[in-house]
Amino acid sequence: MRGGWAHWDLLMALALALAMSMWLVLWPGAQNPLRILLGFLVALAVPGYTLMVALFPKRSDLDPVERLVMSLGLAVIPVSFLGVILSATWGIRPVPLALGLSGFTLLIGGVAVYRRRRLRREDWFYPDLSWSPRWLGWGVTAAALVFVLSFFVRPNVPLTEFYLLGPTGHFEDYPLRVNPGAAVAVKVGVRNLEGRPMTYVLQAPGMAPLELPLLASGQTWEQTLQLVAPAGGEGRLRLELYRKGEAKPYREVYLMLQPGGEGTP
């Protein structure tokens, strides 16, 4: 293989990351087993594998088992780092996280290519794709994983985001010390990921039930509301989100308030 195709494994890793990003951008509300499997690969394997190759490009650096464990372990670093950055900027959302992982894969993949080219070609590490019975075992395991994710994980995935933001519009600096019965200004957000248009009803202390406008799949509604802190001692400010026409709350979010003390959102 010549040129870029000599690094087919890194190109494949980048292609998977970009595919996940494009999927989330073009079809934000789509949910199926393939997306779940692709999401697991991009979050838990692709960035870790790319970083592992960049750190250990020589075939003799690690054995196959060590490389597998190292790939899974190293994936925690970029995911955690991006989570911290997004939490302080745009918020932890699927699209920015996927785009961040794609950028990380591209950057570290370039480092891996550079380090490989400093070695003799025969010393390069590549995944062993030669046939062996263990590939059948891996295939059966992957198929079973898709089955489990499809029938057990997917129905429990929350398809509506319901959250509170602080005065800066981030997940921080919440109003935690408030006198009982006093007004509390919080920014409430709802994002519809149901895959279809939805109408929600919001109930919170100090206000009448608020029916939100019809939200298309992937659409977000945010608004600053004036609520009332619970009376007496330490209290829990509770907000409930209903799907229109349903009697039970669909999602709930809390903010712990304590006069003159510290609280926890």
Protein backbone atom coordinates (compact mmCIF):
# COMPACT_ATOMS: atom_id res chain seq x y z
CA MET A 1 0.00 0.00 0.00
CA ARG A 2 1.22 3.48 -0.83
CA GLY A 3 0.52 6.99 0.38
CA GLY A 4 -2.29 7.53 2.83
CA TRP A 5 -3.64 4.00 2.35
CA ALA A 6 -0.56 2.72 4.13
CA HIS A 7 -2.27 4.04 7.28
CA TRP A 8 -5.65 2.45 6.60
CA ASP A 9 -6.35 1.76 10.29
CA LEU A 10 -6.04 5.43 11.22
CA LEU A 11 -8.14 6.46 8.21
CA MET A 12 -10.80 3.98 9.31
CA ALA A 13 -10.78 5.44 12.83
CA LEU A 14 -11.22 8.96 11.43
CA ALA A 15 -14.00 7.78 9.08
CA LEU A 16 -15.93 6.27 12.01
CA ALA A 17 -15.61 9.48 14.04
CA LEU A 18 -16.73 11.65 11.11
CA ALA A 19 -19.62 9.28 10.34
CA MET A 20 -20.89 9.63 13.92
CA SER A 21 -20.61 13.42 13.73
CA MET A 22 -22.48 13.63 10.43
CA TRP A 23 -25.18 11.29 11.71
CA LEU A 24 -25.80 13.48 14.75
CA VAL A 25 -25.80 16.68 12.68
CA LEU A 26 -28.11 15.42 9.91
CA TRP A 27 -30.42 13.15 11.93
CA PRO A 28 -30.24 14.30 15.58
CA GLY A 29 -33.33 12.38 16.71
CA ALA A 30 -32.66 9.09 14.93
CA GLN A 31 -32.25 6.12 17.28
CA ASN A 32 -31.33 2.60 16.15
CA PRO A 33 -28.90 -0.20 17.14
CA LEU A 34 -26.31 0.82 14.52
CA ARG A 35 -26.09 4.35 15.96
CA ILE A 36 -25.70 2.93 19.48
CA LEU A 37 -22.90 0.59 18.36
CA LEU A 38 -21.20 3.37 16.39
CA GLY A 39 -21.46 5.69 19.39
CA PHE A 40 -19.77 3.10 21.62
CA LEU A 41 -16.96 2.68 19.10
CA VAL A 42 -16.37 6.41 18.69
CA ALA A 43 -16.48 7.15 22.42
CA LEU A 44 -14.70 4.08 23.83
CA ALA A 45 -12.40 2.77 21.10
CA VAL A 46 -11.57 5.20 18.27
CA PRO A 47 -9.82 8.01 20.24
CA GLY A 48 -8.07 5.52 22.50
CA TYR A 49 -6.81 3.46 19.56
CA THR A 50 -5.49 6.54 17.75
CA LEU A 51 -3.71 7.75 20.88
CA MET A 52 -2.30 4.29 21.52
CA VAL A 53 -0.78 4.16 18.01
CA ALA A 54 0.67 7.65 18.45
CA LEU A 55 2.32 6.64 21.73
CA PHE A 56 3.41 3.13 20.70
CA PRO A 57 3.83 3.02 16.90
CA LYS A 58 6.40 0.21 16.94
CA ARG A 59 5.11 -3.35 16.66
CA SER A 60 7.35 -4.57 19.48
CA ASP A 61 6.24 -1.87 21.95
CA LEU A 62 3.22 -3.82 23.23
CA ASP A 63 1.59 -7.20 22.72
CA PRO A 64 -1.99 -7.43 21.29
CA VAL A 65 -3.71 -7.79 24.68
CA GLU A 66 -1.84 -4.79 26.08
CA ARG A 67 -2.80 -2.74 23.02
CA LEU A 68 -6.48 -3.63 23.45
CA VAL A 69 -6.47 -2.68 27.13
CA MET A 70 -4.46 0.47 26.41
CA SER A 71 -6.90 1.57 23.67
CA LEU A 72 -9.90 1.27 25.98
CA GLY A 73 -8.09 2.94 28.89
CA LEU A 74 -6.70 5.85 26.90
CA ALA A 75 -10.16 6.67 25.50
CA VAL A 76 -11.09 8.07 28.91
CA ILE A 77 -8.56 10.92 28.53
CA PRO A 78 -10.00 12.74 25.47
CA VAL A 79 -13.63 12.08 26.47
CA SER A 80 -13.06 13.49 29.98
CA PHE A 81 -11.04 16.44 28.68
CA LEU A 82 -13.69 17.36 26.12
CA GLY A 83 -16.40 16.96 28.76
CA VAL A 84 -14.72 19.53 30.99
CA ILE A 85 -14.29 22.00 28.10
CA LEU A 86 -17.85 21.61 26.85
CA SER A 87 -19.30 21.92 30.34
CA ALA A 88 -17.64 25.34 30.64
CA THR A 89 -18.61 26.50 27.13
CA TRP A 90 -21.43 25.12 24.99
CA GLY A 91 -22.65 22.43 27.38
CA ILE A 92 -22.21 18.67 27.11
CA ARG A 93 -24.24 17.85 24.01
CA PRO A 94 -23.89 14.91 21.58
CA VAL A 95 -22.99 17.00 18.50
CA PRO A 96 -20.16 19.10 20.05
CA LEU A 97 -18.77 16.00 21.78
CA ALA A 98 -18.75 13.99 18.54
CA LEU A 99 -17.16 16.87 16.61
CA GLY A 100 -14.55 17.28 19.35
CA LEU A 101 -13.68 13.57 19.21
CA SER A 102 -13.41 13.81 15.40
CA GLY A 103 -10.99 16.72 15.72
CA PHE A 104 -8.99 14.84 18.35
CA THR A 105 -8.83 11.75 16.13
CA LEU A 106 -7.63 13.84 13.17
CA LEU A 107 -4.95 15.63 15.23
CA ILE A 108 -3.60 12.60 17.07
CA GLY A 109 -3.89 10.50 13.91
CA GLY A 110 -1.52 12.96 12.23
CA VAL A 111 0.92 12.53 15.11
CA ALA A 112 0.65 8.73 14.78
CA VAL A 113 1.41 8.92 11.03
CA TYR A 114 4.43 11.13 11.71
CA ARG A 115 5.80 8.75 14.36
CA ARG A 116 5.24 5.71 12.13
CA ARG A 117 7.15 7.28 9.26
CA ARG A 118 10.17 7.72 11.51
CA LEU A 119 10.36 3.90 11.77
CA ARG A 120 11.19 1.25 9.23
CA ARG A 121 8.04 0.02 7.45
CA GLU A 122 8.46 -3.53 8.73
CA ASP A 123 8.45 -2.23 12.33
CA TRP A 124 5.10 -0.46 12.03
CA PHE A 125 2.25 -1.69 14.19
CA TYR A 126 -0.88 -2.80 12.32
CA PRO A 127 -3.94 -4.72 13.54
CA ASP A 128 -3.59 -8.39 12.71
CA LEU A 129 -6.38 -9.19 10.25
CA SER A 130 -5.23 -12.71 9.42
CA TRP A 131 -8.03 -15.25 9.84
CA SER A 132 -8.25 -17.29 13.02
CA PRO A 133 -11.08 -18.94 15.00
CA ARG A 134 -11.02 -16.07 17.47
CA TRP A 135 -12.50 -13.78 14.78
CA LEU A 136 -15.62 -15.96 14.82
CA GLY A 137 -15.82 -15.48 18.59
CA TRP A 138 -15.43 -11.71 18.23
CA GLY A 139 -18.14 -11.67 15.55
CA VAL A 140 -20.60 -13.62 17.70
CA THR A 141 -19.82 -11.34 20.66
CA ALA A 142 -20.39 -8.20 18.56
CA ALA A 143 -23.69 -9.56 17.23
CA ALA A 144 -24.84 -10.39 20.76
CA LEU A 145 -23.85 -6.89 21.91
CA VAL A 146 -25.94 -5.27 19.16
CA PHE A 147 -28.88 -7.49 20.12
CA VAL A 148 -28.65 -6.54 23.78
CA LEU A 149 -28.25 -2.84 23.04
CA SER A 150 -31.19 -2.92 20.64
CA PHE A 151 -33.71 -4.57 22.95
CA PHE A 152 -32.55 -3.54 26.41
CA VAL A 153 -30.55 -0.32 26.25
CA ARG A 154 -32.43 1.64 23.60
CA PRO A 155 -35.87 1.69 25.27
CA ASN A 156 -34.33 3.16 28.43
CA VAL A 157 -32.40 5.94 26.73
CA PRO A 158 -33.94 9.29 27.74
CA LEU A 159 -35.15 10.94 24.56
CA THR A 160 -35.83 14.36 26.06
CA GLU A 161 -33.23 16.56 27.73
CA PHE A 162 -34.57 18.53 30.72
CA TYR A 163 -32.04 20.71 32.53
CA LEU A 164 -31.34 23.84 34.58
CA LEU A 165 -28.65 26.40 33.79
CA GLY A 166 -27.03 29.00 36.00
CA PRO A 167 -27.15 32.75 35.30
CA THR A 168 -24.16 32.46 32.94
CA GLY A 169 -25.95 29.87 30.81
CA HIS A 170 -23.71 27.00 31.97
CA PHE A 171 -24.08 24.09 34.36
CA GLU A 172 -22.65 26.08 37.27
CA ASP A 173 -23.24 29.05 39.59
CA TYR A 174 -26.77 27.99 40.49
CA PRO A 175 -28.68 30.16 43.01
CA LEU A 176 -28.28 27.85 46.02
CA ARG A 177 -28.68 30.21 48.99
CA VAL A 178 -32.17 31.73 48.88
CA ASN A 179 -34.56 32.75 51.65
CA PRO A 180 -37.73 30.63 51.95
CA GLY A 181 -40.53 31.99 49.79
CA ALA A 182 -38.19 34.30 47.86
CA ALA A 183 -38.06 34.48 44.08
CA VAL A 184 -35.52 32.28 42.30
CA ALA A 185 -34.49 33.00 38.71
CA VAL A 186 -33.34 29.89 36.84
CA LYS A 187 -32.91 29.15 33.16
CA VAL A 188 -34.84 26.03 32.17
CA GLY A 189 -34.06 24.05 29.03
CA VAL A 190 -35.89 21.29 27.14
CA ARG A 191 -34.55 19.53 24.06
CA ASN A 192 -36.74 17.17 22.06
CA LEU A 193 -34.94 14.03 20.87
CA GLU A 194 -38.07 11.90 20.42
CA GLY A 195 -37.70 11.67 16.66
CA ARG A 196 -41.06 13.44 16.19
CA PRO A 197 -42.62 16.81 17.10
CA MET A 198 -43.62 17.00 20.77
CA THR A 199 -45.54 19.35 23.05
CA TYR A 200 -44.48 19.51 26.70
CA VAL A 201 -46.03 21.02 29.83
CA LEU A 202 -43.77 22.42 32.55
CA GLN A 203 -44.83 22.60 36.20
CA ALA A 204 -42.76 24.44 38.81
CA PRO A 205 -43.34 26.18 42.18
CA GLY A 206 -44.71 29.70 41.99
CA MET A 207 -46.10 29.47 38.46
CA ALA A 208 -49.08 28.04 36.61
CA PRO A 209 -48.52 25.04 34.33
CA LEU A 210 -46.67 26.29 31.25
CA GLU A 211 -47.35 24.64 27.90
CA LEU A 212 -44.26 24.87 25.72
CA PRO A 213 -44.51 25.55 21.98
CA LEU A 214 -44.44 22.58 19.66
CA LEU A 215 -40.82 21.38 19.42
CA ALA A 216 -39.54 19.59 16.33
CA SER A 217 -37.16 16.69 16.84
CA GLY A 218 -33.76 18.12 17.77
CA GLN A 219 -35.21 21.54 18.65
CA THR A 220 -34.36 23.17 22.00
CA TRP A 221 -36.45 25.52 24.16
CA GLU A 222 -34.76 27.64 26.84
CA GLN A 223 -36.22 30.40 29.00
CA THR A 224 -35.42 32.12 32.30
CA LEU A 225 -38.25 31.62 34.78
CA GLN A 226 -39.05 33.26 38.13
CA LEU A 227 -39.83 30.50 40.64
CA VAL A 228 -40.50 30.50 44.41
CA ALA A 229 -38.13 28.89 46.92
CA PRO A 230 -39.77 26.30 49.23
CA ALA A 231 -40.88 27.67 52.58
CA GLY A 232 -39.03 26.67 55.77
CA GLY A 233 -35.47 25.37 56.31
CA GLU A 234 -33.67 23.40 53.68
CA GLY A 235 -35.86 22.86 50.64
CA ARG A 236 -35.86 21.14 47.29
CA LEU A 237 -36.98 23.15 44.30
CA ARG A 238 -38.62 20.60 42.02
CA LEU A 239 -39.54 21.03 38.38
CA GLU A 240 -41.59 18.49 36.45
CA LEU A 241 -41.91 18.05 32.70
CA TYR A 242 -44.95 16.32 31.21
CA ARG A 243 -45.67 15.13 27.73
CA LYS A 244 -48.96 16.81 26.81
CA GLY A 245 -51.91 14.62 27.68
CA GLU A 246 -50.04 12.44 30.22
CA ALA A 247 -50.72 12.48 33.96
CA LYS A 248 -47.32 11.27 35.17
CA PRO A 249 -44.17 13.42 34.97
CA TYR A 250 -41.93 12.43 32.06
CA ARG A 251 -38.78 14.06 33.43
CA GLU A 252 -37.89 15.74 36.73
CA VAL A 253 -35.06 18.01 37.84
CA TYR A 254 -34.19 19.35 41.30
CA LEU A 255 -32.31 22.23 42.82
CA MET A 256 -31.42 21.99 46.53
CA LEU A 257 -31.71 25.32 48.36
CA GLN A 258 -30.47 26.17 51.84
CA PRO A 259 -30.78 29.63 53.42
CA GLY A 260 -27.43 30.95 54.57
CA GLY A 261 -25.63 27.69 53.70
CA GLU A 262 -24.35 25.68 50.81
CA GLY A 263 -26.59 23.63 48.60
CA THR A 264 -26.13 21.11 45.84
CA PRO A 265 -27.88 21.23 42.45
